């Protein structure tokens, strides 16, 4: 897993409240995602604020938050369509693990197409 653990409920939620199990599951999915490999600290902060909305949706039935959550998730490449729009190429977990061994620090894996490319590395190549 990558990225920070979900902060304790005592730090983030109202007294006596605990993270909804669906929000815990959602956070774990992001930590296990291919995108997590290249996410910056500010991206994790963005997801943390989204986790608060996600908790409100599931724990308190705040369905009006669903659209905002979806918009925020899209910025991080939640779905295949989002990944294509962002020009991300994501490998399945087993291929990611193999590609991780080929990492040369450039932000791209030597495994070729399908790996997640660090945007900073891509921008540097395009502007060089």
N, C-alpha and C. Protein backbone atom coordinates (compact mmCIF):
# COMPACT_ATOMS: atom_id res chain seq x y z
N UNK A 1 0.84 -1.19 0.00
CA UNK A 1 0.00 0.00 0.00
C UNK A 1 0.88 1.24 0.00
N UNK A 2 0.36 2.25 -0.64
CA UNK A 2 1.07 3.52 -0.69
C UNK A 2 0.20 4.60 -0.05
N UNK A 3 0.78 5.74 0.14
CA UNK A 3 0.02 6.85 0.69
C UNK A 3 -0.24 6.69 2.17
N UNK A 4 -0.74 7.73 2.77
CA UNK A 4 -0.96 7.71 4.22
C UNK A 4 -2.17 6.85 4.61
N UNK A 5 -2.12 6.37 5.83
CA UNK A 5 -3.29 5.68 6.39
C UNK A 5 -4.39 6.72 6.60
N UNK A 6 -5.61 6.26 6.59
CA UNK A 6 -6.73 7.14 6.88
C UNK A 6 -6.58 7.62 8.32
N UNK A 7 -6.58 8.94 8.55
CA UNK A 7 -6.42 9.43 9.93
C UNK A 7 -7.52 8.87 10.83
N UNK A 8 -7.24 8.87 12.11
CA UNK A 8 -8.23 8.34 13.05
C UNK A 8 -9.51 9.17 12.99
N UNK A 9 -10.60 8.50 13.28
CA UNK A 9 -11.90 9.18 13.30
C UNK A 9 -11.90 10.31 14.32
N UNK A 10 -11.20 10.12 15.43
CA UNK A 10 -11.15 11.15 16.48
C UNK A 10 -10.53 12.44 15.96
N UNK A 11 -9.59 12.32 15.01
CA UNK A 11 -8.94 13.50 14.43
C UNK A 11 -9.83 14.23 13.42
N UNK A 12 -10.70 13.48 12.75
CA UNK A 12 -11.37 14.02 11.58
C UNK A 12 -12.89 14.18 11.71
N UNK A 13 -13.52 13.36 12.55
CA UNK A 13 -14.97 13.31 12.59
C UNK A 13 -15.50 13.86 13.92
N UNK A 14 -16.81 13.96 14.00
CA UNK A 14 -17.46 14.42 15.24
C UNK A 14 -17.17 13.44 16.37
N UNK A 15 -17.17 13.92 17.61
CA UNK A 15 -16.93 13.01 18.74
C UNK A 15 -17.90 11.82 18.72
N UNK A 16 -17.34 10.64 18.93
CA UNK A 16 -18.14 9.43 18.97
C UNK A 16 -18.38 8.80 17.61
N UNK A 17 -18.05 9.50 16.54
CA UNK A 17 -18.26 8.95 15.20
C UNK A 17 -17.04 8.13 14.77
N UNK A 18 -17.29 7.12 13.97
CA UNK A 18 -16.20 6.32 13.38
C UNK A 18 -16.36 6.36 11.86
N UNK A 19 -15.25 6.14 11.15
CA UNK A 19 -15.32 6.12 9.69
C UNK A 19 -16.29 5.04 9.24
N UNK A 20 -17.12 5.36 8.28
CA UNK A 20 -18.02 4.35 7.72
C UNK A 20 -17.17 3.27 7.04
N UNK A 21 -17.56 2.01 7.16
CA UNK A 21 -16.78 0.93 6.54
C UNK A 21 -16.58 1.13 5.03
N UNK A 22 -17.56 1.71 4.34
CA UNK A 22 -17.39 1.94 2.90
C UNK A 22 -16.31 2.99 2.63
N UNK A 23 -16.17 3.96 3.51
CA UNK A 23 -15.13 4.97 3.36
C UNK A 23 -13.76 4.34 3.64
N UNK A 24 -13.69 3.48 4.63
CA UNK A 24 -12.43 2.78 4.90
C UNK A 24 -12.02 1.93 3.70
N UNK A 25 -12.99 1.24 3.13
CA UNK A 25 -12.74 0.41 1.95
C UNK A 25 -12.30 1.27 0.77
N UNK A 26 -12.97 2.42 0.56
CA UNK A 26 -12.66 3.36 -0.51
C UNK A 26 -11.23 3.87 -0.37
N UNK A 27 -10.84 4.26 0.85
CA UNK A 27 -9.49 4.76 1.09
C UNK A 27 -8.44 3.68 0.79
N UNK A 28 -8.71 2.47 1.24
CA UNK A 28 -7.79 1.35 0.97
C UNK A 28 -7.65 1.11 -0.52
N UNK A 29 -8.75 1.20 -1.25
CA UNK A 29 -8.69 1.02 -2.70
C UNK A 29 -7.78 2.07 -3.34
N UNK A 30 -7.87 3.32 -2.90
CA UNK A 30 -6.99 4.36 -3.43
C UNK A 30 -5.53 4.08 -3.07
N UNK A 31 -5.27 3.60 -1.85
CA UNK A 31 -3.90 3.31 -1.45
C UNK A 31 -3.31 2.16 -2.25
N UNK A 32 -4.16 1.26 -2.74
CA UNK A 32 -3.70 0.11 -3.52
C UNK A 32 -3.70 0.40 -5.03
N UNK A 33 -4.23 1.54 -5.43
CA UNK A 33 -4.36 1.82 -6.86
C UNK A 33 -3.01 2.10 -7.51
N UNK A 34 -2.94 1.90 -8.80
CA UNK A 34 -1.72 2.22 -9.56
C UNK A 34 -1.41 3.71 -9.47
N UNK A 35 -2.45 4.54 -9.41
CA UNK A 35 -2.25 5.98 -9.33
C UNK A 35 -1.49 6.37 -8.06
N UNK A 36 -1.66 5.60 -6.99
CA UNK A 36 -1.03 5.92 -5.72
C UNK A 36 0.49 6.00 -5.85
N UNK A 37 1.03 5.30 -6.81
CA UNK A 37 2.48 5.29 -7.02
C UNK A 37 3.03 6.67 -7.37
N UNK A 38 2.21 7.50 -8.00
CA UNK A 38 2.71 8.80 -8.46
C UNK A 38 1.98 9.98 -7.81
N UNK A 39 1.14 9.71 -6.83
CA UNK A 39 0.37 10.79 -6.22
C UNK A 39 1.23 11.61 -5.26
N UNK A 40 1.05 12.91 -5.34
CA UNK A 40 1.79 13.85 -4.50
C UNK A 40 1.10 14.00 -3.14
N UNK A 41 1.79 14.60 -2.18
CA UNK A 41 1.14 14.86 -0.89
C UNK A 41 -0.13 15.71 -1.03
N UNK A 42 -0.13 16.65 -1.96
CA UNK A 42 -1.34 17.46 -2.13
C UNK A 42 -2.49 16.64 -2.72
N UNK A 43 -2.17 15.66 -3.55
CA UNK A 43 -3.22 14.78 -4.07
C UNK A 43 -3.84 13.97 -2.94
N UNK A 44 -3.00 13.50 -2.00
CA UNK A 44 -3.53 12.77 -0.86
C UNK A 44 -4.39 13.66 0.02
N UNK A 45 -4.00 14.92 0.17
CA UNK A 45 -4.82 15.87 0.94
C UNK A 45 -6.17 16.07 0.26
N UNK A 46 -6.16 16.15 -1.06
CA UNK A 46 -7.40 16.27 -1.82
C UNK A 46 -8.29 15.05 -1.57
N UNK A 47 -7.69 13.87 -1.60
CA UNK A 47 -8.47 12.66 -1.34
C UNK A 47 -8.97 12.60 0.10
N UNK A 48 -8.20 13.14 1.03
CA UNK A 48 -8.65 13.15 2.42
C UNK A 48 -9.90 14.01 2.59
N UNK A 49 -9.92 15.18 1.95
CA UNK A 49 -11.13 16.00 2.04
C UNK A 49 -12.30 15.30 1.34
N UNK A 50 -11.99 14.54 0.30
CA UNK A 50 -13.03 13.77 -0.38
C UNK A 50 -13.51 12.62 0.51
N UNK A 51 -12.60 12.05 1.30
CA UNK A 51 -13.00 10.99 2.24
C UNK A 51 -14.03 11.50 3.24
N UNK A 52 -13.88 12.74 3.66
CA UNK A 52 -14.88 13.32 4.57
C UNK A 52 -16.26 13.39 3.91
N UNK A 53 -16.27 13.78 2.64
CA UNK A 53 -17.55 13.82 1.91
C UNK A 53 -18.10 12.40 1.73
N UNK A 54 -17.21 11.47 1.39
CA UNK A 54 -17.59 10.08 1.19
C UNK A 54 -18.22 9.53 2.47
N UNK A 55 -17.62 9.83 3.60
CA UNK A 55 -18.17 9.39 4.89
C UNK A 55 -19.57 9.97 5.10
N UNK A 56 -19.74 11.25 4.79
CA UNK A 56 -21.06 11.89 4.94
C UNK A 56 -22.10 11.21 4.05
N UNK A 57 -21.70 10.87 2.84
CA UNK A 57 -22.61 10.18 1.91
C UNK A 57 -23.09 8.86 2.51
N UNK A 58 -22.14 8.04 2.98
CA UNK A 58 -22.48 6.70 3.45
C UNK A 58 -23.06 6.69 4.86
N UNK A 59 -22.49 7.48 5.75
CA UNK A 59 -22.92 7.43 7.16
C UNK A 59 -24.20 8.21 7.41
N UNK A 60 -24.43 9.27 6.62
CA UNK A 60 -25.56 10.16 6.89
C UNK A 60 -26.51 10.31 5.70
N UNK A 61 -26.30 9.49 4.66
CA UNK A 61 -27.21 9.53 3.52
C UNK A 61 -27.21 10.83 2.75
N UNK A 62 -26.10 11.56 2.75
CA UNK A 62 -26.01 12.85 2.08
C UNK A 62 -25.76 12.64 0.58
N UNK A 63 -26.77 12.15 -0.11
CA UNK A 63 -26.64 11.81 -1.52
C UNK A 63 -26.33 13.01 -2.41
N UNK A 64 -26.61 14.22 -1.94
CA UNK A 64 -26.30 15.40 -2.74
C UNK A 64 -24.79 15.60 -2.90
N UNK A 65 -24.00 14.87 -2.13
CA UNK A 65 -22.54 14.97 -2.22
C UNK A 65 -21.96 14.04 -3.30
N UNK A 66 -22.76 13.14 -3.82
CA UNK A 66 -22.26 12.14 -4.77
C UNK A 66 -21.60 12.78 -5.99
N UNK A 67 -22.20 13.83 -6.54
CA UNK A 67 -21.63 14.47 -7.72
C UNK A 67 -20.28 15.10 -7.45
N UNK A 68 -20.15 15.75 -6.31
CA UNK A 68 -18.87 16.37 -5.93
C UNK A 68 -17.80 15.30 -5.72
N UNK A 69 -18.17 14.20 -5.08
CA UNK A 69 -17.23 13.10 -4.87
C UNK A 69 -16.75 12.57 -6.22
N UNK A 70 -17.68 12.37 -7.12
CA UNK A 70 -17.34 11.84 -8.45
C UNK A 70 -16.39 12.80 -9.18
N UNK A 71 -16.65 14.10 -9.11
CA UNK A 71 -15.76 15.07 -9.76
C UNK A 71 -14.35 15.00 -9.18
N UNK A 72 -14.27 14.89 -7.87
CA UNK A 72 -12.96 14.83 -7.22
C UNK A 72 -12.23 13.53 -7.56
N UNK A 73 -12.97 12.43 -7.57
CA UNK A 73 -12.35 11.15 -7.93
C UNK A 73 -11.82 11.19 -9.37
N UNK A 74 -12.57 11.82 -10.25
CA UNK A 74 -12.17 11.89 -11.66
C UNK A 74 -10.82 12.58 -11.82
N UNK A 75 -10.53 13.55 -10.97
CA UNK A 75 -9.25 14.26 -11.05
C UNK A 75 -8.08 13.35 -10.75
N UNK A 76 -8.35 12.24 -10.08
CA UNK A 76 -7.30 11.29 -9.72
C UNK A 76 -7.34 10.03 -10.58
N UNK A 77 -8.22 9.99 -11.58
CA UNK A 77 -8.27 8.85 -12.48
C UNK A 77 -8.98 7.64 -11.92
N UNK A 78 -10.14 7.84 -11.31
CA UNK A 78 -10.86 6.74 -10.66
C UNK A 78 -11.33 5.67 -11.64
N UNK A 79 -11.82 6.05 -12.79
CA UNK A 79 -12.36 5.07 -13.73
C UNK A 79 -11.47 4.99 -14.97
N UNK A 80 -11.68 3.96 -15.76
CA UNK A 80 -10.93 3.81 -17.00
C UNK A 80 -11.12 5.04 -17.88
N UNK A 81 -12.34 5.54 -17.97
CA UNK A 81 -12.60 6.74 -18.76
C UNK A 81 -11.81 7.94 -18.23
N UNK A 82 -11.77 8.10 -16.91
CA UNK A 82 -10.99 9.19 -16.30
C UNK A 82 -9.51 9.02 -16.64
N UNK A 83 -9.01 7.81 -16.53
CA UNK A 83 -7.60 7.54 -16.82
C UNK A 83 -7.28 7.86 -18.28
N UNK A 84 -8.19 7.51 -19.19
CA UNK A 84 -7.97 7.82 -20.60
C UNK A 84 -7.97 9.33 -20.84
N UNK A 85 -8.89 10.03 -20.20
CA UNK A 85 -8.96 11.49 -20.33
C UNK A 85 -7.69 12.14 -19.81
N UNK A 86 -7.14 11.61 -18.74
CA UNK A 86 -5.92 12.13 -18.14
C UNK A 86 -4.65 11.59 -18.83
N UNK A 87 -4.86 10.72 -19.80
CA UNK A 87 -3.77 10.06 -20.53
C UNK A 87 -2.90 9.21 -19.61
N UNK A 88 -3.56 8.61 -18.61
CA UNK A 88 -2.88 7.65 -17.73
C UNK A 88 -2.97 6.28 -18.39
N UNK A 89 -1.96 5.51 -18.21
CA UNK A 89 -2.00 4.12 -18.64
C UNK A 89 -1.69 3.29 -17.41
N UNK A 90 -2.63 2.44 -17.03
CA UNK A 90 -2.52 1.71 -15.77
C UNK A 90 -2.44 0.22 -16.02
N UNK A 91 -1.44 -0.42 -15.41
CA UNK A 91 -1.28 -1.87 -15.50
C UNK A 91 -2.08 -2.58 -14.43
N UNK A 92 -2.49 -3.82 -14.66
CA UNK A 92 -3.09 -4.62 -13.59
C UNK A 92 -2.06 -4.83 -12.47
N UNK A 93 -2.51 -5.19 -11.29
CA UNK A 93 -1.65 -5.29 -10.11
C UNK A 93 -0.42 -6.16 -10.34
N UNK A 94 -0.56 -7.35 -10.92
CA UNK A 94 0.59 -8.24 -11.10
C UNK A 94 1.64 -7.62 -12.01
N UNK A 95 1.21 -6.93 -13.06
CA UNK A 95 2.15 -6.27 -13.96
C UNK A 95 2.80 -5.07 -13.27
N UNK A 96 2.04 -4.38 -12.41
CA UNK A 96 2.61 -3.24 -11.66
C UNK A 96 3.74 -3.70 -10.78
N UNK A 97 3.54 -4.83 -10.09
CA UNK A 97 4.56 -5.34 -9.19
C UNK A 97 5.82 -5.68 -9.97
N UNK A 98 5.67 -6.29 -11.13
CA UNK A 98 6.82 -6.62 -11.97
C UNK A 98 7.49 -5.35 -12.46
N UNK A 99 6.69 -4.38 -12.89
CA UNK A 99 7.23 -3.12 -13.40
C UNK A 99 7.94 -2.33 -12.31
N UNK A 100 7.50 -2.46 -11.07
CA UNK A 100 8.12 -1.72 -9.98
C UNK A 100 9.59 -2.07 -9.86
N UNK A 101 9.94 -3.29 -10.18
CA UNK A 101 11.34 -3.69 -10.15
C UNK A 101 12.15 -3.06 -11.26
N UNK A 102 11.51 -2.57 -12.31
CA UNK A 102 12.19 -1.96 -13.45
C UNK A 102 12.28 -0.46 -13.34
N UNK A 103 11.85 0.12 -12.22
CA UNK A 103 11.80 1.57 -12.07
C UNK A 103 13.21 2.14 -12.05
N UNK A 104 13.47 3.12 -12.91
CA UNK A 104 14.79 3.76 -12.98
C UNK A 104 14.80 5.13 -12.33
N UNK A 105 13.69 5.50 -11.64
CA UNK A 105 13.62 6.80 -10.98
C UNK A 105 13.16 7.92 -11.89
N UNK A 106 12.87 7.62 -13.14
CA UNK A 106 12.46 8.66 -14.09
C UNK A 106 10.98 8.99 -13.98
N UNK A 107 10.25 8.18 -13.21
CA UNK A 107 8.81 8.39 -13.13
C UNK A 107 8.07 7.49 -14.10
N UNK A 108 8.80 6.75 -14.92
CA UNK A 108 8.19 5.80 -15.84
C UNK A 108 8.83 4.45 -15.63
N UNK A 109 8.08 3.42 -15.85
CA UNK A 109 8.62 2.08 -15.75
C UNK A 109 9.17 1.66 -17.09
N UNK A 110 10.20 0.85 -17.05
CA UNK A 110 10.75 0.31 -18.29
C UNK A 110 9.84 -0.75 -18.88
N UNK A 111 8.77 -1.10 -18.16
CA UNK A 111 7.86 -2.13 -18.63
C UNK A 111 7.10 -1.70 -19.87
N UNK A 112 7.11 -0.42 -20.19
CA UNK A 112 6.50 0.04 -21.42
C UNK A 112 5.07 0.47 -21.26
N UNK A 113 4.29 0.41 -22.35
CA UNK A 113 2.92 0.90 -22.33
C UNK A 113 2.10 0.24 -21.24
N UNK A 114 1.24 1.05 -20.63
CA UNK A 114 0.36 0.54 -19.60
C UNK A 114 0.78 0.93 -18.20
N UNK A 115 1.98 1.45 -18.05
CA UNK A 115 2.42 1.87 -16.73
C UNK A 115 1.93 3.29 -16.46
N UNK A 116 1.89 3.65 -15.20
CA UNK A 116 1.51 5.01 -14.85
C UNK A 116 2.73 5.89 -15.02
N UNK A 117 2.58 6.97 -15.72
CA UNK A 117 3.68 7.91 -15.95
C UNK A 117 3.54 9.09 -15.02
N UNK A 118 4.62 9.42 -14.32
CA UNK A 118 4.61 10.60 -13.47
C UNK A 118 4.48 11.83 -14.36
N UNK A 119 3.54 12.69 -14.02
CA UNK A 119 3.30 13.87 -14.85
C UNK A 119 4.50 14.80 -14.89
N UNK A 120 5.23 14.93 -13.78
CA UNK A 120 6.41 15.79 -13.76
C UNK A 120 7.45 15.30 -14.76
N UNK A 121 7.66 13.98 -14.81
CA UNK A 121 8.64 13.43 -15.74
C UNK A 121 8.19 13.64 -17.18
N UNK A 122 6.91 13.45 -17.43
CA UNK A 122 6.39 13.65 -18.80
C UNK A 122 6.53 15.11 -19.21
N UNK A 123 6.16 16.03 -18.33
CA UNK A 123 6.28 17.46 -18.65
C UNK A 123 7.72 17.83 -18.92
N UNK A 124 8.64 17.28 -18.12
CA UNK A 124 10.06 17.59 -18.30
C UNK A 124 10.53 17.12 -19.68
N UNK A 125 10.10 15.93 -20.10
CA UNK A 125 10.50 15.42 -21.42
C UNK A 125 9.91 16.27 -22.52
N UNK A 126 8.66 16.70 -22.36
CA UNK A 126 8.00 17.46 -23.41
C UNK A 126 8.55 18.88 -23.55
N UNK A 127 9.08 19.42 -22.47
CA UNK A 127 9.58 20.81 -22.53
C UNK A 127 11.09 20.85 -22.71
N UNK A 128 11.74 19.70 -22.76
CA UNK A 128 13.20 19.68 -22.95
C UNK A 128 13.57 19.90 -24.39
